[in-house]
């Protein structure tokens, strides 16, 4: 038995211990496992069978030539490539089990792999629900302003460009959206490229910002997502060209495929996982044939179609299960994973949105997903973002990460002596040194979720969470203009590239809430 030591009944007042984030980025998940190990093995074996028997559709290209030269059977008439098991096994041996996505500040580094969990934004919304509750098309400036907001939110761990620049021509988007994002936050930035010839410029911009090629390679400040497949099992050849350029310029990349159960993949969840795993294994085989050991990330974005209407849905229990299962499959394959949560089918930040975001983010994180994008800001099934939603979702993410951290059981946390003291004295737990010492490390305190009494809430104006979050967002957008890129480097960037975001729009006083 533990030896109990009788302490004085009078406890000294002590300051709280050093503040430890109760919900740190990179906490390991893994407590939620919808699949057994036998289930996972069967899914992976079935994916191997699909690749060897059914194959993938790959048009005439250097990509298909590489597959054929490496020993894959090719049906040129049907444009199908059949990948043998030994090539997949070799790719798995060569693939990186962990990939660094660096922040401009090392405290924002993402070490993707295993069961480490990071939650962040996603894209590409085409509408924004503005602070005045009016919906409008998204613009280049929204990428900058949302980034400034995200820069202040502790439980949004990375910044993936969130919206489409509807005010720019396609050939202007790549450089300008990356500039807007990297000017807004020191967190890691993930972007994409519409045109293969722009990848070189994006790499050059990244090098200019961080101080050269060696600095970029050692700590990549940006990464890409490449949606190189169109489900089911067909390569999008125009995106494969972009993927090839990304690999040539050594930029970490997500191999993203997004089947919808019942529409572009089998209606059974297990069948969708088989197809998705096959698509991913084909991609990893190709990338590691082209560049062994390349920093690639498994990109699983499964969803479902509502079979009553055929429409995309991202707020369901099935969506949550699919993404959690993908995390387990990635761990089995020893690959880092990018997947989704928080998409929400609701049109505003209401109770439906809260439920959809809570259940999908919690399951992904508790399963040990690494890079969980879409976890903040989204509404209307990926079509819309809202400034206040990022503030609300920051609290949701914090609570989810606290769940992921779980309960630490130590001699101190078992609190046997503390229980003895309180039960045998005139003290109480609220005033005990043990409680005060743990108040900033054991408990997470939300930013906008309200815990006041009804009387106090009414006295403060009876505002709901959306109203409070709008005020918080407006306050940040009015005041937080981070100096991420120096004026000297900014001038060099503007001399090199056609930057559309005016420097004047990046200074205090340049933003105001809509009337």
Protein backbone atom coordinates (compact mmCIF):
# COMPACT_ATOMS: atom_id res chain seq x y z
CA UNK A 1 0.00 0.00 0.00
CA UNK A 2 1.00 3.57 -0.57
CA UNK A 3 2.49 5.16 2.53
CA UNK A 4 0.24 8.08 3.51
CA UNK A 5 1.86 11.14 4.99
CA UNK A 6 -0.27 13.32 7.21
CA UNK A 7 0.07 16.94 6.20
CA UNK A 8 -0.83 20.15 7.90
CA UNK A 9 -4.48 21.06 7.66
CA UNK A 10 -3.60 24.59 6.62
CA UNK A 11 -2.44 24.70 3.04
CA UNK A 12 -0.29 27.54 1.73
CA UNK A 13 -1.55 29.49 -1.23
CA UNK A 14 0.59 28.64 -4.23
CA UNK A 15 0.75 29.98 -7.76
CA UNK A 16 -0.28 27.63 -10.55
CA UNK A 17 2.55 25.50 -11.89
CA UNK A 18 4.14 26.20 -15.25
CA UNK A 19 1.51 26.38 -17.96
CA UNK A 20 1.47 23.24 -20.07
CA UNK A 21 -0.85 23.19 -23.06
CA UNK A 22 -3.52 20.63 -22.15
CA UNK A 23 -4.12 20.01 -25.86
CA UNK A 24 -0.77 20.20 -27.69
CA UNK A 25 -0.31 19.71 -31.43
CA UNK A 26 1.25 16.38 -32.25
CA UNK A 27 -0.42 14.52 -29.39
CA UNK A 28 -0.79 10.85 -30.31
CA UNK A 29 -4.23 9.36 -30.99
CA UNK A 30 -5.14 5.76 -31.60
CA UNK A 31 -7.71 4.95 -28.95
CA UNK A 32 -10.56 4.73 -31.49
CA UNK A 33 -10.22 1.76 -33.83
CA UNK A 34 -13.25 0.92 -35.99
CA UNK A 35 -11.27 -1.80 -37.78
CA UNK A 36 -9.60 -4.86 -36.30
CA UNK A 37 -6.09 -5.79 -37.46
CA UNK A 38 -7.65 -8.68 -39.39
CA UNK A 39 -10.03 -6.23 -41.09
CA UNK A 40 -7.14 -3.99 -42.12
CA UNK A 41 -5.16 -6.90 -43.52
CA UNK A 42 -8.14 -8.03 -45.59
CA UNK A 43 -8.67 -4.50 -46.97
CA UNK A 44 -5.00 -4.16 -47.95
CA UNK A 45 -4.93 -7.65 -49.50
CA UNK A 46 -8.06 -6.78 -51.50
CA UNK A 47 -6.42 -3.54 -52.70
CA UNK A 48 -3.43 -5.53 -53.94
CA UNK A 49 -5.84 -7.82 -55.80
CA UNK A 50 -7.61 -4.84 -57.40
CA UNK A 51 -4.33 -3.35 -58.65
CA UNK A 52 -3.15 -6.63 -60.18
CA UNK A 53 -6.51 -7.73 -61.58
CA UNK A 54 -8.41 -4.52 -62.42
CA UNK A 55 -5.52 -2.06 -62.59
CA UNK A 56 -5.64 1.71 -62.96
CA UNK A 57 -6.44 3.79 -66.02
CA UNK A 58 -3.37 5.74 -67.13
CA UNK A 59 -3.26 7.57 -70.44
CA UNK A 60 -0.25 7.58 -72.77
CA UNK A 61 2.41 9.50 -70.85
CA UNK A 62 5.86 9.30 -69.23
CA UNK A 63 3.97 8.06 -66.16
CA UNK A 64 2.63 5.03 -68.03
CA UNK A 65 6.00 4.46 -69.68
CA UNK A 66 7.64 4.30 -66.25
CA UNK A 67 5.09 1.77 -65.00
CA UNK A 68 5.65 -0.38 -68.10
CA UNK A 69 9.44 -0.14 -67.93
CA UNK A 70 9.27 -1.25 -64.28
CA UNK A 71 7.44 -4.45 -65.12
CA UNK A 72 3.75 -3.54 -65.07
CA UNK A 73 1.50 -5.08 -67.68
CA UNK A 74 -0.15 -2.42 -69.84
CA UNK A 75 -3.32 -2.72 -71.93
CA UNK A 76 -2.79 0.15 -74.38
CA UNK A 77 -6.23 -0.25 -75.91
CA UNK A 78 -8.00 0.26 -72.58
CA UNK A 79 -5.28 2.51 -71.11
CA UNK A 80 -4.97 0.23 -68.08
CA UNK A 81 -1.87 -0.45 -66.02
CA UNK A 82 -1.75 -3.59 -63.88
CA UNK A 83 0.61 -3.33 -60.89
CA UNK A 84 2.13 -6.52 -59.48
CA UNK A 85 2.45 -7.09 -55.74
CA UNK A 86 6.26 -7.05 -55.70
CA UNK A 87 6.35 -3.45 -57.01
CA UNK A 88 3.88 -2.33 -54.34
CA UNK A 89 5.94 -4.07 -51.66
CA UNK A 90 9.10 -2.34 -52.90
CA UNK A 91 7.38 1.05 -52.82
CA UNK A 92 6.28 0.43 -49.23
CA UNK A 93 9.86 -0.37 -48.28
CA UNK A 94 11.14 2.84 -49.88
CA UNK A 95 8.36 5.19 -48.73
CA UNK A 96 9.08 7.60 -45.89
CA UNK A 97 7.26 6.71 -42.67
CA UNK A 98 7.55 10.31 -41.46
CA UNK A 99 7.52 13.65 -43.30
CA UNK A 100 8.43 17.06 -41.88
CA UNK A 101 6.24 20.00 -42.82
CA UNK A 102 8.03 22.94 -41.23
CA UNK A 103 6.59 26.13 -39.82
CA UNK A 104 8.37 29.44 -40.23
CA UNK A 105 8.75 29.14 -36.46
CA UNK A 106 9.87 25.67 -35.29
CA UNK A 107 7.13 25.58 -32.68
CA UNK A 108 4.72 25.13 -35.59
CA UNK A 109 6.57 22.17 -37.14
CA UNK A 110 4.46 19.17 -38.15
CA UNK A 111 6.16 15.77 -37.86
CA UNK A 112 3.67 13.64 -39.78
CA UNK A 113 3.73 9.94 -39.12
CA UNK A 114 2.63 7.27 -36.66
CA UNK A 115 -0.35 8.50 -34.64
CA UNK A 116 0.65 12.15 -34.19
CA UNK A 117 -2.35 14.45 -34.69
CA UNK A 118 -2.47 17.94 -36.21
CA UNK A 119 -5.68 19.80 -37.06
CA UNK A 120 -5.97 22.63 -39.56
CA UNK A 121 -7.73 24.35 -42.41
CA UNK A 122 -8.52 23.14 -45.93
CA UNK A 123 -9.85 24.35 -49.26
CA UNK A 124 -11.21 25.20 -51.82
CA UNK A 125 -14.37 27.10 -50.89
CA UNK A 126 -15.96 29.32 -53.52
CA UNK A 127 -18.22 31.26 -51.13
CA UNK A 128 -17.74 33.06 -47.84
CA UNK A 129 -20.39 33.84 -45.24
CA UNK A 130 -19.20 37.28 -44.25
CA UNK A 131 -19.44 38.82 -40.80
CA UNK A 132 -22.60 40.66 -41.93
CA UNK A 133 -24.21 37.26 -42.74
CA UNK A 134 -24.15 37.96 -46.47
CA UNK A 135 -22.75 35.31 -48.79
CA UNK A 136 -20.34 36.41 -51.53
CA UNK A 137 -17.70 34.90 -53.82
CA UNK A 138 -14.26 34.33 -52.33
CA UNK A 139 -11.28 36.48 -53.30
CA UNK A 140 -7.51 36.52 -53.06
CA UNK A 141 -7.71 38.81 -50.02
CA UNK A 142 -9.74 36.20 -48.11
CA UNK A 143 -6.74 33.84 -48.20
CA UNK A 144 -4.70 36.57 -46.51
CA UNK A 145 -7.32 37.63 -43.95
CA UNK A 146 -8.27 34.09 -42.94
CA UNK A 147 -4.55 33.35 -42.55
CA UNK A 148 -4.12 36.32 -40.20
CA UNK A 149 -6.99 35.01 -38.12
CA UNK A 150 -5.63 31.45 -38.07
CA UNK A 151 -2.23 32.81 -37.02
CA UNK A 152 -3.77 33.69 -33.63
CA UNK A 153 -5.73 30.45 -33.04
CA UNK A 154 -3.75 27.94 -30.99
CA UNK A 155 -5.71 24.82 -31.92
CA UNK A 156 -5.48 25.31 -35.69
CA UNK A 157 -2.04 23.87 -36.31
CA UNK A 158 -1.45 24.53 -40.01
CA UNK A 159 -2.77 26.70 -42.82
CA UNK A 160 -3.92 25.10 -46.04
CA UNK A 161 -5.16 27.69 -48.53
CA UNK A 162 -8.89 27.80 -47.78
CA UNK A 163 -10.60 29.52 -50.69
CA UNK A 164 -10.52 29.91 -54.46
CA UNK A 165 -9.38 33.31 -55.74
CA UNK A 166 -12.50 33.99 -57.79
CA UNK A 167 -11.22 37.47 -58.66
CA UNK A 168 -8.13 36.18 -60.51
CA UNK A 169 -7.50 34.44 -63.81
CA UNK A 170 -6.29 30.83 -63.53
CA UNK A 171 -2.74 31.70 -64.56
CA UNK A 172 -2.56 34.30 -61.74
CA UNK A 173 -3.83 32.10 -58.90
CA UNK A 174 -0.89 29.85 -58.04
CA UNK A 175 1.66 32.51 -57.14
CA UNK A 176 -0.81 34.91 -55.57
CA UNK A 177 -2.60 32.45 -53.30
CA UNK A 178 0.74 31.17 -52.00
CA UNK A 179 1.99 34.71 -51.39
CA UNK A 180 -1.20 35.64 -49.53
CA UNK A 181 -0.98 32.56 -47.30
CA UNK A 182 2.73 32.80 -46.51
CA UNK A 183 2.38 36.51 -45.73
CA UNK A 184 -0.32 35.82 -43.14
CA UNK A 185 1.06 33.20 -40.76
CA UNK A 186 4.20 31.46 -39.49
CA UNK A 187 2.36 28.14 -39.51
CA UNK A 188 3.09 25.63 -42.25
CA UNK A 189 1.34 26.44 -45.53
CA UNK A 190 -0.04 23.85 -47.94
CA UNK A 191 -1.13 24.97 -51.38
CA UNK A 192 -1.63 23.55 -54.86
CA UNK A 193 -0.84 24.37 -58.46
CA UNK A 194 -3.29 24.73 -61.32
CA UNK A 195 -0.57 24.75 -63.98
CA UNK A 196 2.58 22.58 -64.09
CA UNK A 197 4.74 25.42 -65.33
CA UNK A 198 3.98 27.39 -62.14
CA UNK A 199 5.60 24.85 -59.79
CA UNK A 200 9.09 26.25 -60.47
CA UNK A 201 7.88 29.74 -59.55
CA UNK A 202 6.27 28.48 -56.34
CA UNK A 203 9.49 26.75 -55.32
CA UNK A 204 11.44 29.93 -56.12
CA UNK A 205 9.07 32.03 -54.00
CA UNK A 206 9.48 29.63 -51.09
CA UNK A 207 13.28 29.79 -51.38
CA UNK A 208 13.23 33.60 -51.46
CA UNK A 209 11.10 33.73 -48.32
CA UNK A 210 13.18 31.29 -46.24
CA UNK A 211 16.64 32.21 -47.50
CA UNK A 212 17.64 29.81 -50.25
CA UNK A 213 17.59 26.25 -51.55
CA UNK A 214 19.36 24.60 -48.60
CA UNK A 215 17.08 26.28 -46.07
CA UNK A 216 14.03 25.18 -48.05
CA UNK A 217 15.18 21.56 -48.35
CA UNK A 218 16.12 21.33 -44.66
CA UNK A 219 12.87 22.84 -43.44
CA UNK A 220 10.23 22.92 -46.22
CA UNK A 221 7.90 25.85 -45.40
CA UNK A 222 5.30 24.80 -47.95
CA UNK A 223 3.86 21.61 -49.35
CA UNK A 224 1.42 20.69 -52.09
CA UNK A 225 -1.62 18.55 -52.54
CA UNK A 226 -2.03 16.81 -55.89
CA UNK A 227 -5.44 15.31 -56.72
CA UNK A 228 -3.86 12.98 -59.27
CA UNK A 229 -6.71 10.46 -59.41
CA UNK A 230 -10.32 10.65 -60.45
CA UNK A 231 -12.18 7.86 -58.72
CA UNK A 232 -12.64 5.10 -59.56
CA UNK A 233 -9.02 4.19 -60.33
CA UNK A 234 -8.28 6.67 -63.11
CA UNK A 235 -5.29 8.99 -63.25
CA UNK A 236 -6.02 12.64 -64.06
CA UNK A 237 -3.21 13.08 -66.56
CA UNK A 238 -3.13 16.89 -66.35
CA UNK A 239 -2.58 16.62 -62.58
CA UNK A 240 0.02 13.87 -63.03
CA UNK A 241 2.02 16.46 -65.01
CA UNK A 242 1.82 18.79 -61.99
CA UNK A 243 2.80 15.93 -59.66
CA UNK A 244 5.84 15.22 -61.83
CA UNK A 245 6.92 18.86 -61.55
CA UNK A 246 6.42 18.84 -57.78
CA UNK A 247 8.68 15.78 -57.49
CA UNK A 248 11.29 17.36 -59.76
CA UNK A 249 11.40 20.41 -57.48
CA UNK A 250 11.49 18.35 -54.25
CA UNK A 251 8.41 19.77 -52.51
CA UNK A 252 6.54 17.52 -50.02
CA UNK A 253 3.30 16.35 -51.59
CA UNK A 254 0.00 14.78 -50.62
CA UNK A 255 -1.33 12.16 -53.03
CA UNK A 256 -4.99 13.01 -52.67
CA UNK A 257 -7.87 10.84 -53.82
CA UNK A 258 -11.47 11.48 -52.85
CA UNK A 259 -13.97 8.70 -53.64
CA UNK A 260 -17.61 9.06 -52.61
CA UNK A 261 -19.19 5.89 -51.31
CA UNK A 262 -22.19 5.02 -53.45
CA UNK A 263 -21.21 7.34 -56.30
CA UNK A 264 -17.54 7.00 -57.30
CA UNK A 265 -16.73 4.02 -55.07
CA UNK A 266 -18.72 1.05 -53.72
CA UNK A 267 -21.67 1.79 -51.45
CA UNK A 268 -20.17 -0.48 -48.79
CA UNK A 269 -17.74 1.37 -46.55
CA UNK A 270 -15.30 -1.55 -46.69
CA UNK A 271 -15.44 -1.51 -50.50
CA UNK A 272 -14.70 2.21 -50.57
CA UNK A 273 -11.69 1.60 -48.31
CA UNK A 274 -10.43 -1.12 -50.67
CA UNK A 275 -10.68 1.17 -53.71
CA UNK A 276 -9.13 4.12 -51.87
CA UNK A 277 -6.26 1.97 -50.59
CA UNK A 278 -5.67 0.69 -54.12
CA UNK A 279 -5.56 4.24 -55.48
CA UNK A 280 -3.11 5.25 -52.77
CA UNK A 281 -0.84 2.24 -53.24
CA UNK A 282 -0.73 2.88 -56.98
CA UNK A 283 0.31 6.47 -56.30
CA UNK A 284 3.02 5.51 -53.83
CA UNK A 285 4.30 2.92 -56.28
CA UNK A 286 4.56 5.54 -59.03
CA UNK A 287 6.19 8.20 -56.83
CA UNK A 288 8.78 5.78 -55.46
CA UNK A 289 9.56 4.46 -58.93
CA UNK A 290 10.19 8.02 -60.02
CA UNK A 291 12.02 9.17 -56.87
CA UNK A 292 12.72 6.53 -54.19
CA UNK A 293 12.07 7.72 -50.65
CA UNK A 294 10.27 10.87 -51.76
CA UNK A 295 8.47 12.92 -49.01
CA UNK A 296 4.96 11.85 -49.98
CA UNK A 297 1.87 11.73 -47.75
CA UNK A 298 -1.05 9.34 -48.10
CA UNK A 299 -4.03 11.55 -49.03
CA UNK A 300 -7.31 9.90 -48.12
CA UNK A 301 -10.40 12.09 -48.51
CA UNK A 302 -13.28 9.60 -48.48
CA UNK A 303 -16.84 10.83 -48.28
CA UNK A 304 -20.25 9.52 -49.18
CA UNK A 305 -23.14 10.35 -51.43
CA UNK A 306 -26.54 10.76 -49.85
CA UNK A 307 -28.21 7.97 -51.82
CA UNK A 308 -31.58 9.72 -51.63
CA UNK A 309 -30.30 12.63 -53.70
CA UNK A 310 -26.81 11.72 -54.93
CA UNK A 311 -25.35 14.82 -53.26
CA UNK A 312 -22.02 14.95 -51.45
CA UNK A 313 -22.18 14.78 -47.66
CA UNK A 314 -19.39 15.33 -45.17
CA UNK A 315 -21.06 15.56 -41.79
CA UNK A 316 -22.20 11.98 -41.29
CA UNK A 317 -21.21 9.12 -39.01
CA UNK A 318 -20.16 7.19 -42.13
CA UNK A 319 -17.79 10.01 -43.12
CA UNK A 320 -16.32 9.89 -39.63
CA UNK A 321 -15.86 6.11 -39.74
CA UNK A 322 -14.21 6.20 -43.17
CA UNK A 323 -11.63 8.78 -42.13
CA UNK A 324 -10.87 7.02 -38.86
CA UNK A 325 -10.42 3.74 -40.72
CA UNK A 326 -8.04 5.41 -43.17
CA UNK A 327 -5.85 6.44 -40.25
CA UNK A 328 -5.63 2.81 -39.16
CA UNK A 329 -4.75 1.67 -42.69
CA UNK A 330 -2.01 4.31 -42.93
CA UNK A 331 -0.55 3.16 -39.62
CA UNK A 332 -0.62 -0.43 -40.87
CA UNK A 333 1.21 0.63 -44.06
CA UNK A 334 3.60 2.81 -42.01
CA UNK A 335 2.77 5.91 -44.04
CA UNK A 336 1.93 9.45 -42.92
CA UNK A 337 -1.68 10.42 -43.67
CA UNK A 338 -3.68 13.47 -44.65
CA UNK A 339 -7.44 13.19 -44.30
CA UNK A 340 -10.54 15.15 -43.34
CA UNK A 341 -12.98 16.24 -40.69
CA UNK A 342 -15.20 19.19 -39.90
CA UNK A 343 -16.66 19.66 -43.36
CA UNK A 344 -20.23 20.12 -42.06
CA UNK A 345 -23.29 20.07 -44.28
CA UNK A 346 -24.98 22.83 -42.27
CA UNK A 347 -25.15 26.28 -43.86
CA UNK A 348 -24.41 28.26 -40.67
CA UNK A 349 -22.55 27.64 -37.43
CA UNK A 350 -25.55 26.14 -35.66
CA UNK A 351 -26.17 23.01 -33.57
CA UNK A 352 -26.02 20.80 -36.66
CA UNK A 353 -22.61 22.21 -37.60
CA UNK A 354 -21.35 21.73 -34.06
CA UNK A 355 -22.44 18.09 -34.01
CA UNK A 356 -21.03 17.33 -37.46
CA UNK A 357 -17.70 18.97 -36.69
CA UNK A 358 -17.43 17.43 -33.25
CA UNK A 359 -18.09 13.85 -34.29
CA UNK A 360 -15.93 13.88 -37.43
CA UNK A 361 -12.96 15.69 -35.88
CA UNK A 362 -13.00 13.61 -32.71
CA UNK A 363 -13.04 10.30 -34.54
CA UNK A 364 -10.23 11.28 -36.93
CA UNK A 365 -8.03 12.54 -34.10
CA UNK A 366 -8.77 9.67 -31.73
CA UNK A 367 -7.86 7.25 -34.55
CA UNK A 368 -4.46 8.95 -34.88
CA UNK A 369 -4.84 10.80 -38.19
CA UNK A 370 -1.79 12.98 -38.83
CA UNK A 371 -2.80 15.94 -40.99
CA UNK A 372 -6.53 16.52 -40.57
CA UNK A 373 -7.53 19.25 -42.98
CA UNK A 374 -10.94 20.92 -43.31
CA UNK A 375 -11.18 20.83 -39.50
CA UNK A 376 -11.82 24.57 -39.27
CA UNK A 377 -13.95 27.11 -41.08
CA UNK A 378 -16.11 25.01 -43.38
CA UNK A 379 -19.87 24.98 -43.91
CA UNK A 380 -22.22 23.82 -46.68
CA UNK A 381 -20.35 20.65 -47.66
CA UNK A 382 -17.06 22.38 -48.62
CA UNK A 383 -18.68 25.22 -50.56
CA UNK A 384 -18.55 27.94 -47.91
CA UNK A 385 -16.31 29.25 -45.13
CA UNK A 386 -17.08 31.82 -42.45
CA UNK A 387 -14.68 33.97 -40.44
CA UNK A 388 -16.45 33.30 -37.16
CA UNK A 389 -16.44 29.56 -37.84
CA UNK A 390 -12.65 29.47 -37.58
CA UNK A 391 -12.92 30.95 -34.09
CA UNK A 392 -15.62 28.47 -33.05
CA UNK A 393 -13.77 25.50 -34.57
CA UNK A 394 -10.61 26.50 -32.73
CA UNK A 395 -12.46 25.69 -29.50
CA UNK A 396 -13.81 22.45 -31.00
CA UNK A 397 -10.30 21.44 -32.03
CA UNK A 398 -8.90 22.26 -28.61
CA UNK A 399 -11.46 20.02 -26.94
CA UNK A 400 -10.75 17.23 -29.44
CA UNK A 401 -7.01 17.44 -28.83
CA UNK A 402 -7.69 17.28 -25.09
CA UNK A 403 -9.67 14.09 -25.72
CA UNK A 404 -6.75 12.75 -27.74
CA UNK A 405 -4.30 13.46 -24.92
CA UNK A 406 -6.41 11.32 -22.62
CA UNK A 407 -5.85 10.82 -18.90
CA UNK A 408 -2.34 10.53 -17.48
CA UNK A 409 -2.09 8.13 -14.55
CA UNK A 410 0.92 8.89 -12.33
CA UNK A 411 1.67 8.85 -8.61
CA UNK A 412 0.83 12.56 -8.50
CA UNK A 413 -2.38 12.34 -10.54
CA UNK A 414 -3.73 9.42 -8.49
CA UNK A 415 -3.89 12.01 -5.66
CA UNK A 416 -4.08 9.48 -2.81
CA UNK A 417 -2.46 11.88 -0.33
CA UNK A 418 -4.65 14.75 -1.56
CA UNK A 419 -7.84 12.76 -0.98
CA UNK A 420 -6.58 11.84 2.50
CA UNK A 421 -5.76 15.47 3.34
CA UNK A 422 -9.12 16.86 2.25
CA UNK A 423 -11.16 14.11 3.88
CA UNK A 424 -9.33 14.54 7.19
CA UNK A 425 -9.06 18.29 7.40
CA UNK A 426 -10.84 21.59 6.97
CA UNK A 427 -9.47 22.20 3.49
CA UNK A 428 -11.29 21.61 0.20
CA UNK A 429 -10.10 20.65 -3.25
CA UNK A 430 -10.58 24.10 -4.79
CA UNK A 431 -8.05 25.61 -2.41
CA UNK A 432 -5.61 22.71 -2.32
CA UNK A 433 -2.10 23.22 -3.67
CA UNK A 434 -2.58 20.13 -5.87
CA UNK A 435 -5.55 21.73 -7.62
CA UNK A 436 -3.91 25.11 -8.06
CA UNK A 437 -0.79 23.48 -9.44
CA UNK A 438 -2.74 21.58 -12.08
CA UNK A 439 -5.24 24.22 -13.17
CA UNK A 440 -3.26 25.30 -16.26
CA UNK A 441 -2.02 21.89 -17.33
CA UNK A 442 -4.83 19.42 -16.61
CA UNK A 443 -7.73 21.56 -17.83
CA UNK A 444 -8.43 23.29 -21.13
CA UNK A 445 -10.39 26.53 -21.00
CA UNK A 446 -12.37 27.44 -24.13
CA UNK A 447 -12.11 30.81 -25.77
CA UNK A 448 -15.69 31.41 -26.94
CA UNK A 449 -17.73 28.51 -25.54
CA UNK A 450 -19.80 30.02 -22.74
CA UNK A 451 -19.82 28.56 -19.20
CA UNK A 452 -21.37 31.44 -17.29
CA UNK A 453 -24.65 31.32 -15.41
CA UNK A 454 -27.72 32.42 -17.31
CA UNK A 455 -27.91 35.63 -15.23
CA UNK A 456 -24.31 36.57 -16.03
CA UNK A 457 -24.82 35.68 -19.69
CA UNK A 458 -27.96 37.84 -19.92
CA UNK A 459 -26.25 40.72 -18.16
CA UNK A 460 -23.47 40.56 -20.76
CA UNK A 461 -25.94 40.82 -23.66
CA UNK A 462 -27.29 37.29 -24.20
CA UNK A 463 -25.08 36.73 -27.24
CA UNK A 464 -24.93 33.30 -28.84
CA UNK A 465 -21.65 31.71 -29.88
CA UNK A 466 -21.77 33.02 -33.44
CA UNK A 467 -22.15 36.60 -32.23
CA UNK A 468 -19.27 36.24 -29.80
CA UNK A 469 -17.07 34.61 -32.44
CA UNK A 470 -17.85 37.35 -34.95
CA UNK A 471 -16.71 39.98 -32.46
CA UNK A 472 -13.55 38.02 -31.74
CA UNK A 473 -12.82 37.56 -35.43
CA UNK A 474 -13.42 41.25 -36.20
CA UNK A 475 -11.19 42.29 -33.32
CA UNK A 476 -8.36 40.11 -34.63
CA UNK A 477 -8.81 41.17 -38.24
CA UNK A 478 -8.70 44.82 -37.21
CA UNK A 479 -5.53 44.48 -35.18
CA UNK A 480 -3.37 41.49 -36.14
CA UNK A 481 -1.16 42.18 -39.13
CA UNK A 482 1.87 39.92 -38.60
CA UNK A 483 5.22 40.95 -40.03
CA UNK A 484 5.98 37.59 -41.64
CA UNK A 485 7.85 38.72 -44.76
CA UNK A 486 10.25 41.64 -44.40
CA UNK A 487 9.73 44.70 -46.54
CA UNK A 488 13.05 44.01 -48.33
CA UNK A 489 12.07 40.45 -49.28
CA UNK A 490 8.58 41.63 -50.17
CA UNK A 491 10.00 44.15 -52.62
CA UNK A 492 12.11 41.40 -54.20
CA UNK A 493 9.05 39.15 -54.51
CA UNK A 494 7.04 41.92 -56.14
CA UNK A 495 9.88 42.61 -58.57
CA UNK A 496 10.05 38.91 -59.48
CA UNK A 497 6.34 38.05 -59.59
CA UNK A 498 3.07 39.76 -60.49
CA UNK A 499 1.72 40.10 -56.93
CA UNK A 500 -1.88 41.32 -56.90
CA UNK A 501 -2.36 41.86 -53.15
CA UNK A 502 -1.41 45.51 -52.46
CA UNK A 503 1.08 46.12 -49.66
CA UNK A 504 -1.29 48.77 -48.33
CA UNK A 505 -3.97 46.09 -47.83
CA UNK A 506 -1.63 44.32 -45.40
CA UNK A 507 -1.34 47.09 -42.82
CA UNK A 508 -3.43 48.16 -39.79
CA UNK A 509 -6.47 50.15 -40.80
CA UNK A 510 -6.86 48.38 -44.14
CA UNK A 511 -9.60 45.96 -43.00
CA UNK A 512 -13.06 46.84 -41.76
CA UNK A 513 -16.10 44.70 -41.09
CA UNK A 514 -18.89 44.96 -43.68
CA UNK A 515 -21.57 47.49 -42.78
